[in-house]
Amino acid sequence: MVSVTRARKHLLQVLWLGLVFAQSGRAHGDHHHPAGTHHVLVGNFGSAYNVTKMLDGTQDVGEGYLYTLAVDAHAKSLTLTHTTRAAAAHPWLSVNRKANVVYGSGWSPPNNGHRTFSSYKIERDFSVSHLNTVTSCGTKPIANDFIAEAGEHGVFYGLDFVTPCGEVWAVDKHGAISNKIQALEFANGSTLHGFATTPDLKYMYLTNLGLNTVHSYALHLPNGTVTALADFAPSQLGAGPRHAAITSSGAYFYLIDEEGLRVDQFTIDPEEGALHFTNTSLAVTPFGLTPANASLYWGDEIVISNDGKTLYASTRSRDINFPGYISAWSLASDGSLEDTLFILPTPEAGGTSNILSVSPWDDASKNMLLLTDQDTDFVALYELQGLELVLLDRVNITGTNCCSGSVWLN
């Protein structure tokens, strides 16, 4: 009887301690969220941003904000949970999942021709807090990337759209941007815009819209530095290579051209990293590869779904009275093209945005993707259901020139 009483007392103590710890976790915030709930972070272009005035990188674009949104993959809903005043407007974001840190290219007020990069800690409630800010090499930092496997704690990479430069930064154990370890220089007239890295982290590619070139580099993981290899051209003179996506097989490289309004397919030489054009180009508008109304549109983003089965591209309209487009193609297991799926109008023109990001997870969100719009300031959640892309939900965030790039936090 005594042993039974002691057992009951022990059980009550365990239950009481469990309740205390559970309440403590809720009081201080934790990373436990319902299954299928994910959080994304979205940036803005600046509260006073004007695409024409910012072309040369000299405009003071005003205040920067970062927005945390929750994606409920089961309810198929999107909700704004936090709005954070940022150190600068951040048109482009990348994430360091190991350190729970996000990096942003900073359109801070210009200072002697230089702007910034910033790092932010992801808090337990998925809001963010500023860690540190460093000075960039140029006046309009745009694309950035983070490679966790490079260097001791990961390496951060940045490019500038106006100044012909790029840079490589080490980060410390907390994820804050630390010291610059390499400067990248490019020819005058360069407008750098995007990164793509092979799955084996052997090669890195940078897209140069202004010089109509894709630059290839060998990536040295021990310290994260890169060595220039060769340059490659898109299918057309003046096509303007903007962004690229590489298949999980590492065999195919898909390039979206801003002015050419097309996606070019290349194969990748695994021994040298050379790109070989396959003579295959895909239209990103319903009007064909050489549309008569080409001046109305500009190509934007290209991404591949997490399962590697779908290639998406987005196009913006230069006229607010006409929509942009999302186009998609199915891919075979080796990354080669199978079929055209659709070319669908976006809800609005897109403005400077119409940027896409796909869910990196294998759960109920696996076929979901986000579209951000700066024309009328919203984030939209889509899902590929069979062969149909379905708009699930939309959150309007007005008054600050939202919405720019996005990253999935969890």
Protein backbone atom coordinates (compact mmCIF):
# COMPACT_ATOMS: atom_id res chain seq x y z
CA MET A 1 0.00 0.00 0.00
CA VAL A 2 2.90 2.32 0.85
CA SER A 3 4.56 1.69 -2.56
CA VAL A 4 1.30 2.47 -4.38
CA THR A 5 0.93 5.77 -2.46
CA ARG A 6 4.52 6.74 -3.28
CA ALA A 7 3.94 5.90 -6.93
CA ARG A 8 0.86 8.13 -7.00
CA LYS A 9 2.79 10.97 -5.36
CA HIS A 10 5.59 10.56 -7.91
CA LEU A 11 3.11 10.61 -10.77
CA LEU A 12 1.48 13.77 -9.43
CA GLN A 13 4.90 15.44 -9.13
CA VAL A 14 5.77 14.54 -12.75
CA LEU A 15 2.45 15.89 -14.00
CA TRP A 16 2.85 19.10 -11.97
CA LEU A 17 6.41 19.68 -13.25
CA GLY A 18 5.23 19.05 -16.81
CA LEU A 19 2.50 21.65 -16.40
CA VAL A 20 4.99 24.17 -14.98
CA PHE A 21 7.44 23.70 -17.86
CA ALA A 22 4.63 23.90 -20.41
CA GLN A 23 3.38 27.16 -18.93
CA SER A 24 6.92 28.51 -18.77
CA GLY A 25 7.46 27.70 -22.43
CA ARG A 26 4.26 29.50 -23.41
CA ALA A 27 5.16 32.48 -21.27
CA HIS A 28 8.56 32.93 -22.89
CA GLY A 29 7.52 31.90 -26.40
CA ASP A 30 8.73 28.73 -28.13
CA HIS A 31 9.14 27.18 -31.56
CA HIS A 32 6.37 24.61 -31.06
CA HIS A 33 3.56 25.37 -33.47
CA PRO A 34 0.74 23.25 -34.85
CA ALA A 35 1.82 20.74 -37.46
CA GLY A 36 1.60 22.24 -40.92
CA THR A 37 2.09 25.82 -39.69
CA HIS A 38 5.03 27.65 -41.23
CA HIS A 39 6.26 31.21 -41.02
CA VAL A 40 7.67 33.40 -43.76
CA LEU A 41 9.42 36.75 -43.67
CA VAL A 42 8.77 39.38 -46.34
CA GLY A 43 10.63 42.64 -46.96
CA ASN A 44 9.70 45.95 -48.57
CA PHE A 45 11.26 48.34 -51.08
CA GLY A 46 11.05 51.39 -48.82
CA SER A 47 8.10 53.58 -47.82
CA ALA A 48 9.09 56.29 -50.34
CA TYR A 49 10.43 53.96 -53.05
CA ASN A 50 10.01 54.96 -56.68
CA VAL A 51 11.23 52.53 -59.33
CA THR A 52 12.34 55.28 -61.72
CA LYS A 53 14.07 57.42 -59.09
CA MET A 54 15.87 54.36 -57.68
CA LEU A 55 17.25 53.16 -61.03
CA ASP A 56 20.65 54.77 -60.41
CA GLY A 57 20.68 53.82 -56.73
CA THR A 58 20.63 57.37 -55.36
CA GLN A 59 17.08 57.69 -54.01
CA ASP A 60 16.40 57.73 -50.27
CA VAL A 61 13.65 55.09 -50.33
CA GLY A 62 12.36 55.85 -46.84
CA GLU A 63 11.52 53.41 -44.07
CA GLY A 64 12.13 49.67 -44.14
CA TYR A 65 9.86 46.99 -42.68
CA LEU A 66 9.92 43.23 -42.26
CA TYR A 67 6.66 41.28 -42.09
CA THR A 68 6.16 37.86 -40.51
CA LEU A 69 3.29 35.82 -41.94
CA ALA A 70 1.95 32.44 -40.87
CA VAL A 71 1.08 29.80 -43.45
CA ASP A 72 -1.41 27.21 -42.21
CA ALA A 73 -0.97 24.44 -44.76
CA HIS A 74 -4.04 22.52 -43.56
CA ALA A 75 -6.40 25.49 -43.41
CA LYS A 76 -4.73 26.82 -46.58
CA SER A 77 -4.56 30.28 -45.05
CA LEU A 78 -2.10 33.16 -44.76
CA THR A 79 -2.02 35.57 -41.80
CA LEU A 80 0.12 38.60 -40.96
CA THR A 81 1.48 38.11 -37.41
CA HIS A 82 4.22 40.73 -36.93
CA THR A 83 5.39 43.97 -38.52
CA THR A 84 8.95 44.99 -37.57
CA ARG A 85 10.65 48.29 -38.34
CA ALA A 86 13.91 47.34 -40.06
CA ALA A 87 17.32 48.96 -40.24
CA ALA A 88 16.67 49.58 -43.96
CA ALA A 89 14.33 48.54 -46.74
CA HIS A 90 15.28 44.98 -47.70
CA PRO A 91 14.32 43.98 -51.26
CA TRP A 92 16.13 40.64 -50.97
CA LEU A 93 16.40 38.18 -48.07
CA SER A 94 18.25 34.94 -47.33
CA VAL A 95 18.17 32.69 -44.27
CA ASN A 96 20.69 30.97 -41.98
CA ARG A 97 18.60 28.18 -40.46
CA LYS A 98 21.37 26.85 -38.21
CA ALA A 99 21.76 30.17 -36.37
CA ASN A 100 18.11 31.29 -36.86
CA VAL A 101 19.21 34.44 -38.65
CA VAL A 102 17.93 36.31 -41.71
CA TYR A 103 20.06 38.56 -43.94
CA GLY A 104 18.82 41.51 -45.98
CA SER A 105 20.29 43.70 -48.70
CA GLY A 106 19.80 47.17 -47.27
CA TRP A 107 18.45 50.15 -49.16
CA SER A 108 19.40 52.43 -46.29
CA PRO A 109 19.87 56.16 -46.93
CA PRO A 110 22.87 56.39 -49.30
CA ASN A 111 26.13 57.39 -47.63
CA ASN A 112 28.95 58.38 -50.01
CA GLY A 113 27.69 55.92 -52.60
CA HIS A 114 27.33 53.00 -50.20
CA ARG A 115 24.42 51.19 -48.62
CA THR A 116 24.28 48.21 -46.30
CA PHE A 117 23.66 44.56 -45.46
CA SER A 118 21.93 43.63 -42.20
CA SER A 119 21.36 40.52 -40.10
CA TYR A 120 18.32 39.77 -37.91
CA LYS A 121 17.73 37.16 -35.22
CA ILE A 122 14.58 35.08 -35.65
CA GLU A 123 12.77 35.19 -32.31
CA ARG A 124 10.70 32.37 -30.83
CA ASP A 125 7.49 33.93 -32.06
CA PHE A 126 9.05 34.37 -35.52
CA SER A 127 9.31 38.12 -35.26
CA VAL A 128 12.86 39.38 -35.89
CA SER A 129 15.30 41.64 -34.03
CA HIS A 130 18.26 43.49 -35.50
CA LEU A 131 21.70 41.93 -34.94
CA ASN A 132 24.10 44.09 -36.93
CA THR A 133 24.62 46.13 -40.11
CA VAL A 134 27.71 46.42 -42.33
CA THR A 135 28.53 48.72 -45.23
CA SER A 136 28.17 47.23 -48.71
CA CYS A 137 30.44 47.80 -51.69
CA GLY A 138 27.87 49.73 -53.69
CA THR A 139 24.86 51.99 -53.89
CA LYS A 140 22.13 49.44 -54.71
CA PRO A 141 22.79 46.04 -53.07
CA ILE A 142 20.35 43.58 -54.54
CA ALA A 143 20.77 39.79 -54.60
CA ASN A 144 22.26 37.97 -51.64
CA ASP A 145 22.81 34.35 -50.70
CA PHE A 146 23.92 32.35 -47.67
CA ILE A 147 25.74 29.02 -47.80
CA ALA A 148 25.71 27.23 -44.46
CA GLU A 149 28.32 24.65 -45.49
CA ALA A 150 30.96 27.27 -46.36
CA GLY A 151 33.54 28.54 -43.88
CA GLU A 152 33.39 27.94 -40.12
CA HIS A 153 29.90 29.28 -39.46
CA GLY A 154 28.61 29.81 -43.01
CA VAL A 155 29.30 32.52 -45.59
CA PHE A 156 27.16 35.42 -46.85
CA TYR A 157 27.35 36.67 -50.46
CA GLY A 158 26.08 39.98 -51.86
CA LEU A 159 25.83 41.68 -55.26
CA ASP A 160 25.16 45.27 -56.31
CA PHE A 161 22.89 46.34 -59.17
CA VAL A 162 24.44 49.76 -59.90
CA THR A 163 28.06 49.52 -58.74
CA PRO A 164 29.90 46.71 -60.59
CA CYS A 165 30.86 44.80 -57.46
CA GLY A 166 30.08 41.90 -55.18
CA GLU A 167 31.42 40.63 -51.88
CA VAL A 168 31.90 37.61 -49.68
CA TRP A 169 31.44 37.89 -45.90
CA ALA A 170 32.16 35.52 -43.03
CA VAL A 171 29.54 35.30 -40.27
CA ASP A 172 30.20 34.66 -36.59
CA LYS A 173 28.83 31.80 -34.48
CA HIS A 174 25.71 33.82 -33.72
CA GLY A 175 25.06 34.42 -37.44
CA ALA A 176 25.94 38.12 -37.46
CA ILE A 177 27.78 39.37 -40.55
CA SER A 178 31.44 39.53 -39.53
CA ASN A 179 34.36 40.42 -41.82
CA LYS A 180 34.63 40.75 -45.58
CA ILE A 181 36.84 37.98 -46.94
CA GLN A 182 36.65 38.65 -50.68
CA ALA A 183 35.74 41.51 -53.03
CA LEU A 184 34.35 40.74 -56.50
CA GLU A 185 34.84 43.18 -59.36
CA PHE A 186 33.01 43.37 -62.68
CA ALA A 187 33.24 45.43 -65.85
CA ASN A 188 31.53 48.80 -66.14
CA GLY A 189 27.94 48.49 -67.27
CA SER A 190 27.32 45.46 -65.09
CA THR A 191 24.00 45.13 -63.31
CA LEU A 192 24.35 42.03 -61.16
CA HIS A 193 21.11 40.40 -60.11
CA GLY A 194 21.12 36.77 -59.03
CA PHE A 195 22.84 33.69 -57.57
CA ALA A 196 22.55 30.01 -58.40
CA THR A 197 24.69 27.25 -56.88
CA THR A 198 24.96 23.59 -57.89
CA PRO A 199 23.59 21.07 -55.35
CA ASP A 200 27.08 19.71 -54.70
CA LEU A 201 28.22 23.29 -53.89
CA LYS A 202 30.99 23.00 -56.46
CA TYR A 203 29.97 25.87 -58.75
CA MET A 204 28.31 29.25 -58.29
CA TYR A 205 26.73 31.33 -61.07
CA LEU A 206 26.02 35.08 -61.04
CA THR A 207 23.63 36.68 -63.50
CA ASN A 208 24.68 39.99 -65.04
CA LEU A 209 21.70 41.61 -66.70
CA GLY A 210 23.59 44.66 -67.95
CA LEU A 211 26.36 42.74 -69.74
CA ASN A 212 24.03 39.96 -70.93
CA THR A 213 26.23 37.40 -69.21
CA VAL A 214 26.21 34.56 -66.70
CA HIS A 215 29.48 34.39 -64.74
CA SER A 216 30.60 30.98 -63.42
CA TYR A 217 32.81 30.44 -60.39
CA ALA A 218 34.42 27.57 -58.53
CA LEU A 219 33.26 27.62 -54.90
CA HIS A 220 35.83 26.82 -52.19
CA LEU A 221 33.88 25.56 -49.20
CA PRO A 222 36.64 25.66 -46.55
CA ASN A 223 36.54 29.48 -46.53
CA GLY A 224 33.67 30.32 -48.91
CA THR A 225 35.72 32.24 -51.46
CA VAL A 226 35.13 31.87 -55.22
CA THR A 227 37.38 31.73 -58.29
CA ALA A 228 36.16 33.03 -61.65
CA LEU A 229 35.91 30.42 -64.40
CA ALA A 230 34.06 31.46 -67.58
CA ASP A 231 31.18 33.58 -68.90
CA PHE A 232 28.12 32.37 -70.81
CA ALA A 233 25.51 34.17 -72.88
CA PRO A 234 21.73 33.69 -72.98
CA SER A 235 19.94 32.74 -76.18
CA GLN A 236 19.49 36.32 -77.40
CA LEU A 237 21.57 39.45 -77.62
CA GLY A 238 20.20 41.87 -75.03
CA ALA A 239 17.99 39.24 -73.40
CA GLY A 240 19.17 40.36 -69.95
CA PRO A 241 19.78 37.28 -67.75
CA ARG A 242 18.12 38.00 -64.41
CA HIS A 243 17.75 34.89 -62.24
CA ALA A 244 18.49 31.18 -62.55
CA ALA A 245 17.46 27.88 -60.97
CA ILE A 246 19.40 24.61 -60.96
CA THR A 247 17.71 21.21 -60.78
CA SER A 248 18.35 18.90 -57.83
CA SER A 249 20.13 16.54 -60.22
CA GLY A 250 22.64 19.28 -60.95
CA ALA A 251 22.21 18.54 -64.65
CA TYR A 252 20.08 21.48 -65.83
CA PHE A 253 20.32 25.25 -65.45
CA TYR A 254 17.21 27.33 -66.20
CA LEU A 255 17.67 31.06 -66.82
CA ILE A 256 14.96 33.72 -66.97
CA ASP A 257 15.78 36.70 -69.18
CA GLU A 258 14.25 40.02 -68.14
CA GLU A 259 14.10 41.64 -71.57
CA GLY A 260 13.99 38.46 -73.63
CA LEU A 261 10.81 37.32 -71.85
CA ARG A 262 11.95 33.73 -71.98
CA VAL A 263 13.46 30.89 -69.98
CA ASP A 264 16.58 29.38 -71.53
CA GLN A 265 17.57 25.79 -70.77
CA PHE A 266 21.25 24.85 -70.32
CA THR A 267 23.01 21.67 -69.31
CA ILE A 268 25.85 21.87 -66.78
CA ASP A 269 29.20 20.20 -67.39
CA PRO A 270 29.96 18.56 -64.02
CA GLU A 271 33.71 18.55 -64.67
CA GLU A 272 34.14 22.25 -65.49
CA GLY A 273 30.84 23.90 -64.59
CA ALA A 274 30.39 25.08 -68.19
CA LEU A 275 26.87 25.89 -69.38
CA HIS A 276 25.69 24.51 -72.72
CA PHE A 277 22.56 26.01 -74.28
CA THR A 278 20.20 23.26 -75.44
CA ASN A 279 18.50 25.46 -78.08
CA THR A 280 15.37 25.33 -75.94
CA SER A 281 13.65 28.56 -74.90
CA LEU A 282 10.27 28.86 -73.19
CA ALA A 283 7.86 31.80 -73.42
CA VAL A 284 6.89 33.36 -70.07
CA THR A 285 3.86 35.24 -71.41
CA PRO A 286 0.90 33.93 -73.47
CA PHE A 287 2.15 35.95 -76.44
CA GLY A 288 5.03 33.72 -77.55
CA LEU A 289 8.82 34.11 -77.61
CA THR A 290 8.79 37.35 -79.62
CA PRO A 291 5.60 39.14 -78.58
CA ALA A 292 4.61 42.34 -80.35
CA ASN A 293 3.81 43.82 -76.92
CA ALA A 294 7.18 42.86 -75.40
CA SER A 295 7.82 46.38 -74.10
CA LEU A 296 4.83 45.94 -71.77
CA TYR A 297 6.51 43.19 -69.70
CA TRP A 298 9.73 42.30 -67.92
CA GLY A 299 10.74 38.85 -66.70
CA ASP A 300 11.42 38.38 -63.02
CA GLU A 301 11.78 35.19 -60.97
CA ILE A 302 12.43 31.49 -61.59
CA VAL A 303 12.18 28.73 -58.96
CA ILE A 304 11.89 24.94 -58.80
CA SER A 305 9.50 23.18 -56.41
CA ASN A 306 11.01 21.33 -53.47
CA ASP A 307 10.21 17.93 -55.02
CA GLY A 308 11.94 18.98 -58.26
CA LYS A 309 8.87 18.29 -60.37
CA THR A 310 7.78 21.82 -61.30
CA LEU A 311 9.60 24.82 -62.75
CA TYR A 312 7.92 28.20 -62.13
CA ALA A 313 8.66 31.62 -63.63
CA SER A 314 7.09 35.01 -63.04
CA THR A 315 6.75 38.07 -65.26
CA ARG A 316 5.74 41.62 -64.34
CA SER A 317 3.69 44.12 -66.29
CA ARG A 318 5.07 47.63 -66.74
CA ASP A 319 1.50 48.94 -67.01
CA ILE A 320 -0.70 48.82 -63.91
CA ASN A 321 -3.71 48.19 -66.14
CA PHE A 322 -2.41 44.79 -67.25
CA PRO A 323 -1.52 41.73 -65.14
CA GLY A 324 1.79 39.94 -64.96
CA TYR A 325 2.06 36.16 -65.35
CA ILE A 326 3.07 32.98 -63.57
CA SER A 327 4.17 30.22 -65.92
CA ALA A 328 5.03 26.61 -65.09
CA TRP A 329 6.45 23.47 -66.67
CA SER A 330 6.69 19.90 -65.40
CA LEU A 331 10.17 18.39 -65.06
CA ALA A 332 11.36 14.80 -65.37
CA SER A 333 13.38 13.16 -62.59
CA ASP A 334 16.65 14.23 -64.25
CA GLY A 335 15.47 17.85 -64.46
CA SER A 336 14.70 17.86 -68.16
CA LEU A 337 11.49 19.40 -69.48
CA GLU A 338 8.33 17.34 -69.83
CA ASP A 339 5.29 19.54 -70.49
CA THR A 340 4.03 23.11 -70.33
CA LEU A 341 1.52 23.34 -67.49
CA PHE A 342 0.10 26.86 -67.68
CA ILE A 343 0.65 30.59 -68.11
CA LEU A 344 -1.71 32.35 -65.70
CA PRO A 345 -2.24 36.06 -65.02
CA THR A 346 -1.18 37.35 -61.62
CA PRO A 347 -3.78 39.27 -59.56
CA GLU A 348 -2.18 42.62 -60.47
CA ALA A 349 0.70 44.00 -62.52
CA GLY A 350 3.28 43.15 -59.86
CA GLY A 351 5.19 46.42 -59.89
CA THR A 352 8.86 45.83 -59.10
CA SER A 353 7.98 42.53 -57.47
CA ASN A 354 5.93 39.49 -58.57
CA ILE A 355 8.65 37.52 -56.76
CA LEU A 356 8.06 33.81 -56.13
CA SER A 357 9.27 31.55 -53.32
CA VAL A 358 8.36 27.86 -52.95
CA SER A 359 7.87 25.91 -49.75
CA PRO A 360 11.09 24.03 -48.86
CA TRP A 361 9.19 21.43 -46.82
CA ASP A 362 7.79 17.97 -47.57
CA ASP A 363 4.60 18.25 -45.50
CA ALA A 364 1.16 19.60 -46.45
CA SER A 365 2.82 22.80 -47.72
CA LYS A 366 4.99 21.00 -50.28
CA ASN A 367 3.04 22.26 -53.31
CA MET A 368 2.63 25.81 -52.02
CA LEU A 369 4.34 28.98 -53.17
CA LEU A 370 4.20 32.68 -52.36
CA LEU A 371 3.83 35.60 -54.74
CA THR A 372 4.70 39.10 -53.51
CA ASP A 373 3.38 42.21 -55.23
CA GLN A 374 4.62 45.80 -54.92
CA ASP A 375 2.10 47.30 -57.32
CA THR A 376 -0.82 46.98 -54.90
CA ASP A 377 1.08 45.69 -51.84
CA PHE A 378 0.11 42.10 -51.06
CA VAL A 379 1.39 38.59 -50.40
CA ALA A 380 -0.51 35.74 -52.07
CA LEU A 381 -0.44 32.05 -51.20
CA TYR A 382 -0.86 29.54 -54.03
CA GLU A 383 -0.97 25.77 -54.25
CA LEU A 384 -0.44 23.48 -57.21
CA GLN A 385 -3.38 21.10 -57.15
CA GLY A 386 -2.87 18.53 -59.86
CA LEU A 387 -2.25 20.60 -62.98
CA GLU A 388 -4.00 23.70 -61.64
CA LEU A 389 -2.45 26.56 -59.67
CA VAL A 390 -5.00 27.69 -57.07
CA LEU A 391 -4.94 31.03 -55.24
CA LEU A 392 -5.58 30.08 -51.59
CA ASP A 393 -5.30 33.34 -49.70
CA ARG A 394 -4.04 36.90 -49.92
CA VAL A 395 -2.87 39.42 -47.31
CA ASN A 396 -2.79 43.12 -48.18
CA ILE A 397 -0.01 45.16 -46.56
CA THR A 398 -0.43 48.73 -47.73
CA GLY A 399 1.35 52.03 -47.18
CA THR A 400 5.00 50.92 -47.09
CA ASN A 401 5.75 49.62 -50.62
CA CYS A 402 5.49 46.06 -49.51
CA CYS A 403 6.12 43.48 -50.79
CA SER A 404 9.56 42.37 -51.97
CA GLY A 405 11.46 39.11 -51.47
CA SER A 406 10.41 36.42 -49.01
CA VAL A 407 12.02 33.50 -47.15
CA TRP A 408 10.44 30.55 -45.35
CA LEU A 409 11.61 30.62 -41.72
CA ASN A 410 10.34 27.22 -40.55
